[in-house]
Amino acid sequence: MSYDITPSQEQALLRLLGKVMEVMRDDRPLDPNDPAFGTLESSRYIEPGEAGVHYSFRNSAFPDAKVDLSTWTDPLDYSDDRTRVRAVPASFVLWFRHPPAGISRGQFEQRLDLANYWVGAGGVREEGNDIGHSLPPFTQEHRYRYRANAGEHGRFPVDVELFFLDPPPNDPSGKVWLERITIDRDYPYLTPAMRKKKREEENQKKRQTYGYMNLCTGTPCPETGGWEGWIDSGSTDVMEFARGQIFDAVRSVSLEHGGSCPMVVGRWFWLCSTSEKSGTVWKGIELQG
């Protein structure tokens, strides 16, 4: 069963998709209670130990449609403790139980600022947008895939897919029906091992960058985190400093040997972020978060 979309429904649909693109492409804050999405019906954590939440909405303009938006633990945050990582938008789906007719993909292309190409596996750019029909038994379904243009405030690659249903042979109107719209951020896939490597690379870069700044006792700390103290004979100390805090003196005897000792002027080198401190091993000592 299908029907012709009304002007008010079309406005509600474009307003909804515009809001989704603001969140997905422009990184605007997600407010699940924004009336553009509809009424929030449910929310649930997607996986234990992760920050991602799945939101389901009921939109009065399309009361029988599936309207879902999911967030996920930020893939670009390389912290090992995923419980401390913020959630970021990941995917959106609008699926019509009764597909409307009368709205063209050209309207979506213009209003959502979609490019005339899409990006496949491995980042390969594919020209054109017509993916063709789905495999049997869904041969009536016609798919179109897009990479959204970045726009002035775009921060993340966004992929859009439109699913239309071709009219059945006995339909004299010849109108296509809008079945589904998906909008997804194209995040890189990283395993825990890959995240660990990224963390090590970032820490090495920071250590090198801050090393050129000659950060020593009495100078302000440029970034909150764990720092390693050095004297002429080598590294002897580990401390956590907040951004703007003045670097302290450094132990004259290495912390690994324990006990009190005179404190002397020394240099401080970046070691790790605060979230990484717990579990970091320094000279056989496991640091506490």
C-alpha atoms as a PDB file:
ATOM      1  CA  MET A   1       0.000   0.000   0.000  1.00  0.00           C
ATOM      2  CA  SER A   2       1.341   3.421  -0.971  1.00  0.00           C
ATOM      3  CA  TYR A   3       0.035   6.986  -0.972  1.00  0.00           C
ATOM      4  CA  ASP A   4       0.968  10.427  -2.284  1.00  0.00           C
ATOM      5  CA  ILE A   5       3.015  12.454   0.165  1.00  0.00           C
ATOM      6  CA  THR A   6       1.306  15.655   1.345  1.00  0.00           C
ATOM      7  CA  PRO A   7       3.050  19.069   1.428  1.00  0.00           C
ATOM      8  CA  SER A   8       3.128  19.022   5.235  1.00  0.00           C
ATOM      9  CA  GLN A   9       4.618  15.528   5.256  1.00  0.00           C
ATOM     10  CA  GLU A  10       7.241  16.585   2.720  1.00  0.00           C
ATOM     11  CA  GLN A  11       8.221  19.559   4.890  1.00  0.00           C
ATOM     12  CA  ALA A  12       8.430  17.341   7.982  1.00  0.00           C
ATOM     13  CA  LEU A  13      10.566  14.821   6.088  1.00  0.00           C
ATOM     14  CA  LEU A  14      13.016  17.416   4.803  1.00  0.00           C
ATOM     15  CA  ARG A  15      13.199  19.060   8.235  1.00  0.00           C
ATOM     16  CA  LEU A  16      13.968  15.684   9.813  1.00  0.00           C
ATOM     17  CA  LEU A  17      16.683  14.845   7.287  1.00  0.00           C
ATOM     18  CA  GLY A  18      18.151  18.344   7.556  1.00  0.00           C
ATOM     19  CA  LYS A  19      18.469  17.901  11.326  1.00  0.00           C
ATOM     20  CA  VAL A  20      20.096  14.505  10.882  1.00  0.00           C
ATOM     21  CA  MET A  21      22.638  15.983   8.457  1.00  0.00           C
ATOM     22  CA  GLU A  22      23.444  18.775  10.918  1.00  0.00           C
ATOM     23  CA  VAL A  23      24.297  16.131  13.507  1.00  0.00           C
ATOM     24  CA  MET A  24      26.047  13.694  11.178  1.00  0.00           C
ATOM     25  CA  ARG A  25      27.919  16.035   8.840  1.00  0.00           C
ATOM     26  CA  ASP A  26      28.301  19.283  10.790  1.00  0.00           C
ATOM     27  CA  ASP A  27      28.838  17.669  14.202  1.00  0.00           C
ATOM     28  CA  ARG A  28      26.085  19.688  15.844  1.00  0.00           C
ATOM     29  CA  PRO A  29      25.132  18.409  19.328  1.00  0.00           C
ATOM     30  CA  LEU A  30      22.553  15.631  19.298  1.00  0.00           C
ATOM     31  CA  ASP A  31      19.397  16.425  21.248  1.00  0.00           C
ATOM     32  CA  PRO A  32      17.118  13.340  21.215  1.00  0.00           C
ATOM     33  CA  ASN A  33      14.251  15.571  22.400  1.00  0.00           C
ATOM     34  CA  ASP A  34      14.438  17.856  19.357  1.00  0.00           C
ATOM     35  CA  PRO A  35      10.909  17.863  17.856  1.00  0.00           C
ATOM     36  CA  ALA A  36      12.377  17.552  14.342  1.00  0.00           C
ATOM     37  CA  PHE A  37      13.105  13.880  15.123  1.00  0.00           C
ATOM     38  CA  GLY A  38       9.636  13.304  16.555  1.00  0.00           C
ATOM     39  CA  THR A  39       8.886  11.893  19.993  1.00  0.00           C
ATOM     40  CA  LEU A  40      11.551   9.785  21.650  1.00  0.00           C
ATOM     41  CA  GLU A  41      10.039   6.352  22.267  1.00  0.00           C
ATOM     42  CA  SER A  42      13.005   4.412  23.590  1.00  0.00           C
ATOM     43  CA  SER A  43      16.762   4.477  24.103  1.00  0.00           C
ATOM     44  CA  ARG A  44      19.144   1.703  25.055  1.00  0.00           C
ATOM     45  CA  TYR A  45      22.859   1.077  25.266  1.00  0.00           C
ATOM     46  CA  ILE A  46      23.963  -0.949  22.286  1.00  0.00           C
ATOM     47  CA  GLU A  47      26.728  -2.941  23.944  1.00  0.00           C
ATOM     48  CA  PRO A  48      27.893  -3.332  27.568  1.00  0.00           C
ATOM     49  CA  GLY A  49      31.000  -1.288  28.295  1.00  0.00           C
ATOM     50  CA  GLU A  50      30.448   1.010  25.324  1.00  0.00           C
ATOM     51  CA  ALA A  51      28.950   4.509  25.237  1.00  0.00           C
ATOM     52  CA  GLY A  52      26.804   4.025  22.144  1.00  0.00           C
ATOM     53  CA  VAL A  53      23.030   4.478  22.462  1.00  0.00           C
ATOM     54  CA  HIS A  54      20.273   3.457  20.044  1.00  0.00           C
ATOM     55  CA  TYR A  55      17.366   5.940  19.885  1.00  0.00           C
ATOM     56  CA  SER A  56      13.939   5.164  18.418  1.00  0.00           C
ATOM     57  CA  PHE A  57      11.455   7.903  17.565  1.00  0.00           C
ATOM     58  CA  ARG A  58       7.833   8.210  16.558  1.00  0.00           C
ATOM     59  CA  ASN A  59       7.252  10.967  14.024  1.00  0.00           C
ATOM     60  CA  SER A  60       3.636  12.129  13.831  1.00  0.00           C
ATOM     61  CA  ALA A  61       4.019  12.963  10.123  1.00  0.00           C
ATOM     62  CA  PHE A  62       4.784   9.283   9.435  1.00  0.00           C
ATOM     63  CA  PRO A  63       3.336   7.392  12.411  1.00  0.00           C
ATOM     64  CA  ASP A  64       4.056   3.935  11.025  1.00  0.00           C
ATOM     65  CA  ALA A  65       7.655   4.653   9.938  1.00  0.00           C
ATOM     66  CA  LYS A  66      10.764   3.305  11.648  1.00  0.00           C
ATOM     67  CA  VAL A  67      12.919   6.288  12.730  1.00  0.00           C
ATOM     68  CA  ASP A  68      16.165   5.236  14.443  1.00  0.00           C
ATOM     69  CA  LEU A  69      19.412   7.032  15.213  1.00  0.00           C
ATOM     70  CA  SER A  70      22.434   5.337  16.767  1.00  0.00           C
ATOM     71  CA  THR A  71      25.514   6.730  18.438  1.00  0.00           C
ATOM     72  CA  TRP A  72      28.704   4.809  19.062  1.00  0.00           C
ATOM     73  CA  THR A  73      31.808   5.045  21.205  1.00  0.00           C
ATOM     74  CA  ASP A  74      34.056   7.533  19.402  1.00  0.00           C
ATOM     75  CA  PRO A  75      36.257   5.470  17.017  1.00  0.00           C
ATOM     76  CA  LEU A  76      38.659   8.405  16.730  1.00  0.00           C
ATOM     77  CA  ASP A  77      39.363   8.350  20.463  1.00  0.00           C
ATOM     78  CA  TYR A  78      42.119   5.769  20.845  1.00  0.00           C
ATOM     79  CA  SER A  79      41.767   5.311  24.611  1.00  0.00           C
ATOM     80  CA  ASP A  80      41.838   1.700  25.723  1.00  0.00           C
ATOM     81  CA  ASP A  81      39.187   2.179  28.443  1.00  0.00           C
ATOM     82  CA  ARG A  82      36.086   2.544  26.274  1.00  0.00           C
ATOM     83  CA  THR A  83      33.853   3.335  29.261  1.00  0.00           C
ATOM     84  CA  ARG A  84      35.487   6.786  29.433  1.00  0.00           C
ATOM     85  CA  VAL A  85      35.031   7.613  25.760  1.00  0.00           C
ATOM     86  CA  ARG A  86      32.159   9.846  24.645  1.00  0.00           C
ATOM     87  CA  ALA A  87      29.441   8.717  22.255  1.00  0.00           C
ATOM     88  CA  VAL A  88      29.296  10.173  18.737  1.00  0.00           C
ATOM     89  CA  PRO A  89      26.612   9.911  16.010  1.00  0.00           C
ATOM     90  CA  ALA A  90      27.033   6.852  13.813  1.00  0.00           C
ATOM     91  CA  SER A  91      23.956   5.963  11.764  1.00  0.00           C
ATOM     92  CA  PHE A  92      20.369   6.900  10.963  1.00  0.00           C
ATOM     93  CA  VAL A  93      17.598   4.972   9.247  1.00  0.00           C
ATOM     94  CA  LEU A  94      14.116   6.011   8.138  1.00  0.00           C
ATOM     95  CA  TRP A  95      12.069   3.063   6.901  1.00  0.00           C
ATOM     96  CA  PHE A  96       8.499   3.456   5.678  1.00  0.00           C
ATOM     97  CA  ARG A  97       6.072   0.664   6.315  1.00  0.00           C
ATOM     98  CA  HIS A  98       3.764   2.294   3.762  1.00  0.00           C
ATOM     99  CA  PRO A  99       6.087   3.973   1.230  1.00  0.00           C
ATOM    100  CA  PRO A 100       5.016   7.444   0.051  1.00  0.00           C
ATOM    101  CA  ALA A 101       5.080   8.534  -3.589  1.00  0.00           C
ATOM    102  CA  GLY A 102       5.559  11.981  -5.023  1.00  0.00           C
ATOM    103  CA  ILE A 103       9.014  12.960  -3.771  1.00  0.00           C
ATOM    104  CA  SER A 104      11.982  12.558  -6.068  1.00  0.00           C
ATOM    105  CA  ARG A 105      15.596  11.728  -5.332  1.00  0.00           C
ATOM    106  CA  GLY A 106      16.531  15.016  -7.003  1.00  0.00           C
ATOM    107  CA  GLN A 107      14.932  16.834  -4.069  1.00  0.00           C
ATOM    108  CA  PHE A 108      17.119  14.893  -1.643  1.00  0.00           C
ATOM    109  CA  GLU A 109      20.217  15.472  -3.753  1.00  0.00           C
ATOM    110  CA  GLN A 110      19.655  19.215  -3.626  1.00  0.00           C
ATOM    111  CA  ARG A 111      18.435  19.662  -0.050  1.00  0.00           C
ATOM    112  CA  LEU A 112      21.020  17.323   1.489  1.00  0.00           C
ATOM    113  CA  ASP A 113      23.830  18.553  -0.801  1.00  0.00           C
ATOM    114  CA  LEU A 114      24.793  15.131  -2.143  1.00  0.00           C
ATOM    115  CA  ALA A 115      27.669  14.522  -4.562  1.00  0.00           C
ATOM    116  CA  ASN A 116      27.381  12.679  -7.883  1.00  0.00           C
ATOM    117  CA  TYR A 117      29.621   9.864  -6.658  1.00  0.00           C
ATOM    118  CA  TRP A 118      29.871   7.416  -3.776  1.00  0.00           C
ATOM    119  CA  VAL A 119      32.796   5.860  -1.924  1.00  0.00           C
ATOM    120  CA  GLY A 120      33.148   2.110  -1.767  1.00  0.00           C
ATOM    121  CA  ALA A 121      35.322  -0.311   0.167  1.00  0.00           C
ATOM    122  CA  GLY A 122      38.886   0.805   0.639  1.00  0.00           C
ATOM    123  CA  GLY A 123      37.958   4.415  -0.038  1.00  0.00           C
ATOM    124  CA  VAL A 124      37.557   3.877  -3.792  1.00  0.00           C
ATOM    125  CA  ARG A 125      35.517   6.623  -5.439  1.00  0.00           C
ATOM    126  CA  GLU A 126      32.758   5.356  -7.720  1.00  0.00           C
ATOM    127  CA  GLU A 127      31.225   7.800 -10.199  1.00  0.00           C
ATOM    128  CA  GLY A 128      27.451   8.005 -10.489  1.00  0.00           C
ATOM    129  CA  ASN A 129      24.809   7.163  -7.919  1.00  0.00           C
ATOM    130  CA  ASP A 130      22.560   4.501  -9.458  1.00  0.00           C
ATOM    131  CA  ILE A 131      23.421   1.166  -7.824  1.00  0.00           C
ATOM    132  CA  GLY A 132      20.643  -0.635  -9.660  1.00  0.00           C
ATOM    133  CA  HIS A 133      18.057  -3.039  -8.333  1.00  0.00           C
ATOM    134  CA  SER A 134      18.456  -5.249  -5.305  1.00  0.00           C
ATOM    135  CA  LEU A 135      18.858  -8.986  -5.625  1.00  0.00           C
ATOM    136  CA  PRO A 136      15.825 -11.309  -5.790  1.00  0.00           C
ATOM    137  CA  PRO A 137      13.306 -11.396  -4.282  1.00  0.00           C
ATOM    138  CA  PHE A 138      13.575  -7.591  -3.813  1.00  0.00           C
ATOM    139  CA  THR A 139      13.889  -6.746  -7.496  1.00  0.00           C
ATOM    140  CA  GLN A 140      11.356  -3.921  -7.204  1.00  0.00           C
ATOM    141  CA  GLU A 141      13.764  -2.077  -4.890  1.00  0.00           C
ATOM    142  CA  HIS A 142      16.044   0.453  -6.629  1.00  0.00           C
ATOM    143  CA  ARG A 143      19.074   1.809  -4.727  1.00  0.00           C
ATOM    144  CA  TYR A 144      21.011   5.076  -5.042  1.00  0.00           C
ATOM    145  CA  ARG A 145      24.188   5.742  -3.081  1.00  0.00           C
ATOM    146  CA  TYR A 146      25.918   9.077  -2.358  1.00  0.00           C
ATOM    147  CA  ARG A 147      28.806  10.685  -0.532  1.00  0.00           C
ATOM    148  CA  ALA A 148      27.526  13.936   0.992  1.00  0.00           C
ATOM    149  CA  ASN A 149      29.482  17.069   0.150  1.00  0.00           C
ATOM    150  CA  ALA A 150      31.498  18.167   3.167  1.00  0.00           C
ATOM    151  CA  GLY A 151      30.084  21.693   3.361  1.00  0.00           C
ATOM    152  CA  GLU A 152      31.569  24.630   5.214  1.00  0.00           C
ATOM    153  CA  HIS A 153      31.390  23.023   8.652  1.00  0.00           C
ATOM    154  CA  GLY A 154      31.679  19.374   7.606  1.00  0.00           C
ATOM    155  CA  ARG A 155      34.006  17.311   9.791  1.00  0.00           C
ATOM    156  CA  PHE A 156      33.240  13.705   8.904  1.00  0.00           C
ATOM    157  CA  PRO A 157      32.601  11.779   5.670  1.00  0.00           C
ATOM    158  CA  VAL A 158      28.895  10.964   5.441  1.00  0.00           C
ATOM    159  CA  ASP A 159      27.267   8.363   3.198  1.00  0.00           C
ATOM    160  CA  VAL A 160      23.609   8.509   2.150  1.00  0.00           C
ATOM    161  CA  GLU A 161      21.614   5.729   0.529  1.00  0.00           C
ATOM    162  CA  LEU A 162      18.123   6.106  -0.943  1.00  0.00           C
ATOM    163  CA  PHE A 163      15.863   3.116  -1.560  1.00  0.00           C
ATOM    164  CA  PHE A 164      12.928   3.526  -3.933  1.00  0.00           C
ATOM    165  CA  LEU A 165      10.388   0.971  -5.078  1.00  0.00           C
ATOM    166  CA  ASP A 166       9.572   0.876  -8.769  1.00  0.00           C
ATOM    167  CA  PRO A 167       5.818   0.848  -9.457  1.00  0.00           C
ATOM    168  CA  PRO A 168       4.272  -2.546 -10.138  1.00  0.00           C
ATOM    169  CA  PRO A 169       3.343  -3.290 -13.769  1.00  0.00           C
ATOM    170  CA  ASN A 170      -0.363  -2.762 -13.090  1.00  0.00           C
ATOM    171  CA  ASP A 171       0.135   0.744 -11.630  1.00  0.00           C
ATOM    172  CA  PRO A 172      -0.918   3.273 -14.302  1.00  0.00           C
ATOM    173  CA  SER A 173       0.591   6.230 -12.374  1.00  0.00           C
ATOM    174  CA  GLY A 174       4.157   5.069 -12.876  1.00  0.00           C
ATOM    175  CA  LYS A 175       5.156   6.743  -9.599  1.00  0.00           C
ATOM    176  CA  VAL A 176       8.094   5.451  -7.603  1.00  0.00           C
ATOM    177  CA  TRP A 177       7.728   4.961  -3.848  1.00  0.00           C
ATOM    178  CA  LEU A 178      10.236   6.034  -1.221  1.00  0.00           C
ATOM    179  CA  GLU A 179      10.986   2.998   0.927  1.00  0.00           C
ATOM    180  CA  ARG A 180      14.046   3.834   3.011  1.00  0.00           C
ATOM    181  CA  ILE A 181      16.812   6.366   3.688  1.00  0.00           C
ATOM    182  CA  THR A 182      20.048   5.603   5.531  1.00  0.00           C
ATOM    183  CA  ILE A 183      22.676   8.141   6.600  1.00  0.00           C
ATOM    184  CA  ASP A 184      25.986   6.923   8.036  1.00  0.00           C
ATOM    185  CA  ARG A 185      29.267   8.430   9.116  1.00  0.00           C
ATOM    186  CA  ASP A 186      32.229   6.760   7.461  1.00  0.00           C
ATOM    187  CA  TYR A 187      34.437   6.081  10.470  1.00  0.00           C
ATOM    188  CA  PRO A 188      37.654   4.073  10.159  1.00  0.00           C
ATOM    189  CA  TYR A 189      37.498   0.569  11.595  1.00  0.00           C
ATOM    190  CA  LEU A 190      40.032   0.071  14.368  1.00  0.00           C
ATOM    191  CA  THR A 191      40.672  -3.062  16.422  1.00  0.00           C
ATOM    192  CA  PRO A 192      42.022  -2.765  20.005  1.00  0.00           C
ATOM    193  CA  ALA A 193      45.497  -3.558  18.638  1.00  0.00           C
ATOM    194  CA  MET A 194      45.169  -0.840  15.999  1.00  0.00           C
ATOM    195  CA  ARG A 195      44.003   1.651  18.657  1.00  0.00           C
ATOM    196  CA  LYS A 196      47.024   0.737  20.782  1.00  0.00           C
ATOM    197  CA  LYS A 197      49.326   1.455  17.866  1.00  0.00           C
ATOM    198  CA  LYS A 198      47.586   4.796  17.243  1.00  0.00           C
ATOM    199  CA  ARG A 199      47.997   5.716  20.923  1.00  0.00           C
ATOM    200  CA  GLU A 200      51.681   4.890  20.794  1.00  0.00           C
ATOM    201  CA  GLU A 201      52.125   6.955  17.645  1.00  0.00           C
ATOM    202  CA  GLU A 202      50.284   9.924  19.177  1.00  0.00           C
ATOM    203  CA  ASN A 203      52.257   9.716  22.406  1.00  0.00           C
ATOM    204  CA  GLN A 204      55.519   9.565  20.487  1.00  0.00           C
ATOM    205  CA  LYS A 205      54.565  12.653  18.476  1.00  0.00           C
ATOM    206  CA  LYS A 206      53.589  14.543  21.629  1.00  0.00           C
ATOM    207  CA  ARG A 207      56.753  13.464  23.400  1.00  0.00           C
ATOM    208  CA  GLN A 208      58.789  14.750  20.489  1.00  0.00           C
ATOM    209  CA  THR A 209      56.827  18.004  20.155  1.00  0.00           C
ATOM    210  CA  TYR A 210      56.907  18.804  23.873  1.00  0.00           C
ATOM    211  CA  GLY A 211      60.540  17.715  24.077  1.00  0.00           C
ATOM    212  CA  TYR A 212      61.552  20.672  21.902  1.00  0.00           C
ATOM    213  CA  MET A 213      59.866  23.036  24.385  1.00  0.00           C
ATOM    214  CA  ASN A 214      62.413  22.354  27.161  1.00  0.00           C
ATOM    215  CA  LEU A 215      59.695  21.839  29.785  1.00  0.00           C
ATOM    216  CA  CYS A 216      61.483  21.905  33.113  1.00  0.00           C
ATOM    217  CA  THR A 217      60.861  22.618  36.785  1.00  0.00           C
ATOM    218  CA  GLY A 218      59.061  25.955  37.129  1.00  0.00           C
ATOM    219  CA  THR A 219      57.443  26.061  33.662  1.00  0.00           C
ATOM    220  CA  PRO A 220      53.666  25.611  33.087  1.00  0.00           C
ATOM    221  CA  CYS A 221      52.341  22.265  31.877  1.00  0.00           C
ATOM    222  CA  PRO A 222      50.850  22.469  28.339  1.00  0.00           C
ATOM    223  CA  GLU A 223      48.512  19.452  28.603  1.00  0.00           C
ATOM    224  CA  THR A 224      46.905  17.414  31.357  1.00  0.00           C
ATOM    225  CA  GLY A 225      48.394  13.950  31.590  1.00  0.00           C
ATOM    226  CA  GLY A 226      51.146  11.739  32.938  1.00  0.00           C
ATOM    227  CA  TRP A 227      54.665  13.189  32.653  1.00  0.00           C
ATOM    228  CA  GLU A 228      58.097  11.604  33.052  1.00  0.00           C
ATOM    229  CA  GLY A 229      60.768  13.494  34.986  1.00  0.00           C
ATOM    230  CA  TRP A 230      64.415  13.424  33.907  1.00  0.00           C
ATOM    231  CA  ILE A 231      67.731  14.474  35.398  1.00  0.00           C
ATOM    232  CA  ASP A 232      71.170  14.212  33.748  1.00  0.00           C
ATOM    233  CA  SER A 233      71.484  10.517  34.620  1.00  0.00           C
ATOM    234  CA  GLY A 234      68.120   9.579  33.073  1.00  0.00           C
ATOM    235  CA  SER A 235      64.413   9.287  33.939  1.00  0.00           C
ATOM    236  CA  THR A 236      63.686   9.101  37.655  1.00  0.00           C
ATOM    237  CA  ASP A 237      60.124  10.284  38.228  1.00  0.00           C
ATOM    238  CA  VAL A 238      56.503  10.098  37.068  1.00  0.00           C
ATOM    239  CA  MET A 239      53.763  12.554  38.011  1.00  0.00           C
ATOM    240  CA  GLU A 240      50.388  13.710  36.745  1.00  0.00           C
ATOM    241  CA  PHE A 241      50.093  17.418  35.989  1.00  0.00           C
ATOM    242  CA  ALA A 242      47.079  19.485  34.950  1.00  0.00           C
ATOM    243  CA  ARG A 243      47.285  21.955  32.113  1.00  0.00           C
ATOM    244  CA  GLY A 244      48.668  25.249  33.421  1.00  0.00           C
ATOM    245  CA  GLN A 245      50.084  23.645  36.580  1.00  0.00           C
ATOM    246  CA  ILE A 246      53.736  24.483  37.276  1.00  0.00           C
ATOM    247  CA  PHE A 247      56.090  21.552  36.785  1.00  0.00           C
ATOM    248  CA  ASP A 248      57.551  20.346  40.070  1.00  0.00           C
ATOM    249  CA  ALA A 249      61.128  19.397  40.882  1.00  0.00           C
ATOM    250  CA  VAL A 250      62.304  15.916  39.906  1.00  0.00           C
ATOM    251  CA  ARG A 251      63.462  13.086  42.143  1.00  0.00           C
ATOM    252  CA  SER A 252      67.217  12.678  42.327  1.00  0.00           C
ATOM    253  CA  VAL A 253      66.824   8.905  42.853  1.00  0.00           C
ATOM    254  CA  SER A 254      64.570   6.863  40.586  1.00  0.00           C
ATOM    255  CA  LEU A 255      61.058   6.155  41.856  1.00  0.00           C
ATOM    256  CA  GLU A 256      61.518   2.458  41.078  1.00  0.00           C
ATOM    257  CA  HIS A 257      63.984   2.213  43.977  1.00  0.00           C
ATOM    258  CA  GLY A 258      61.459   3.753  46.381  1.00  0.00           C
ATOM    259  CA  GLY A 259      62.103   5.861  49.452  1.00  0.00           C
ATOM    260  CA  SER A 260      62.511   9.595  49.894  1.00  0.00           C
ATOM    261  CA  CYS A 261      65.277  11.573  48.240  1.00  0.00           C
ATOM    262  CA  PRO A 262      66.303  15.162  47.478  1.00  0.00           C
ATOM    263  CA  MET A 263      64.329  16.889  44.718  1.00  0.00           C
ATOM    264  CA  VAL A 264      66.250  18.733  42.025  1.00  0.00           C
ATOM    265  CA  VAL A 265      65.578  20.872  38.978  1.00  0.00           C
ATOM    266  CA  GLY A 266      64.852  18.612  36.016  1.00  0.00           C
ATOM    267  CA  ARG A 267      63.004  18.268  32.719  1.00  0.00           C
ATOM    268  CA  TRP A 268      59.564  16.757  32.083  1.00  0.00           C
ATOM    269  CA  PHE A 269      58.563  14.694  29.040  1.00  0.00           C
ATOM    270  CA  TRP A 270      55.081  13.610  27.944  1.00  0.00           C
ATOM    271  CA  LEU A 271      54.227  10.033  28.908  1.00  0.00           C
ATOM    272  CA  CYS A 272      50.479   9.417  28.459  1.00  0.00           C
ATOM    273  CA  SER A 273      47.014  10.939  28.752  1.00  0.00           C
ATOM    274  CA  THR A 274      45.070  10.796  32.007  1.00  0.00           C
ATOM    275  CA  SER A 275      42.719   8.131  30.607  1.00  0.00           C
ATOM    276  CA  GLU A 276      45.711   5.970  29.632  1.00  0.00           C
ATOM    277  CA  LYS A 277      47.535   6.350  32.926  1.00  0.00           C
ATOM    278  CA  SER A 278      45.754   3.431  34.557  1.00  0.00           C
ATOM    279  CA  GLY A 279      47.604   0.319  33.425  1.00  0.00           C
ATOM    280  CA  THR A 280      50.602   2.123  31.925  1.00  0.00           C
ATOM    281  CA  VAL A 281      53.820   0.430  33.061  1.00  0.00           C
ATOM    282  CA  TRP A 282      56.836   2.647  33.728  1.00  0.00           C
ATOM    283  CA  LYS A 283      60.076   0.924  34.709  1.00  0.00           C
ATOM    284  CA  GLY A 284      58.148  -2.060  36.028  1.00  0.00           C
ATOM    285  CA  ILE A 285      55.724   0.111  38.003  1.00  0.00           C
ATOM    286  CA  GLU A 286      52.054  -0.018  36.987  1.00  0.00           C
ATOM    287  CA  LEU A 287      50.657   3.483  37.245  1.00  0.00           C
ATOM    288  CA  GLN A 288      47.304   4.102  38.910  1.00  0.00           C
ATOM    289  CA  GLY A 289      44.554   6.126  37.205  1.00  0.00           C
END
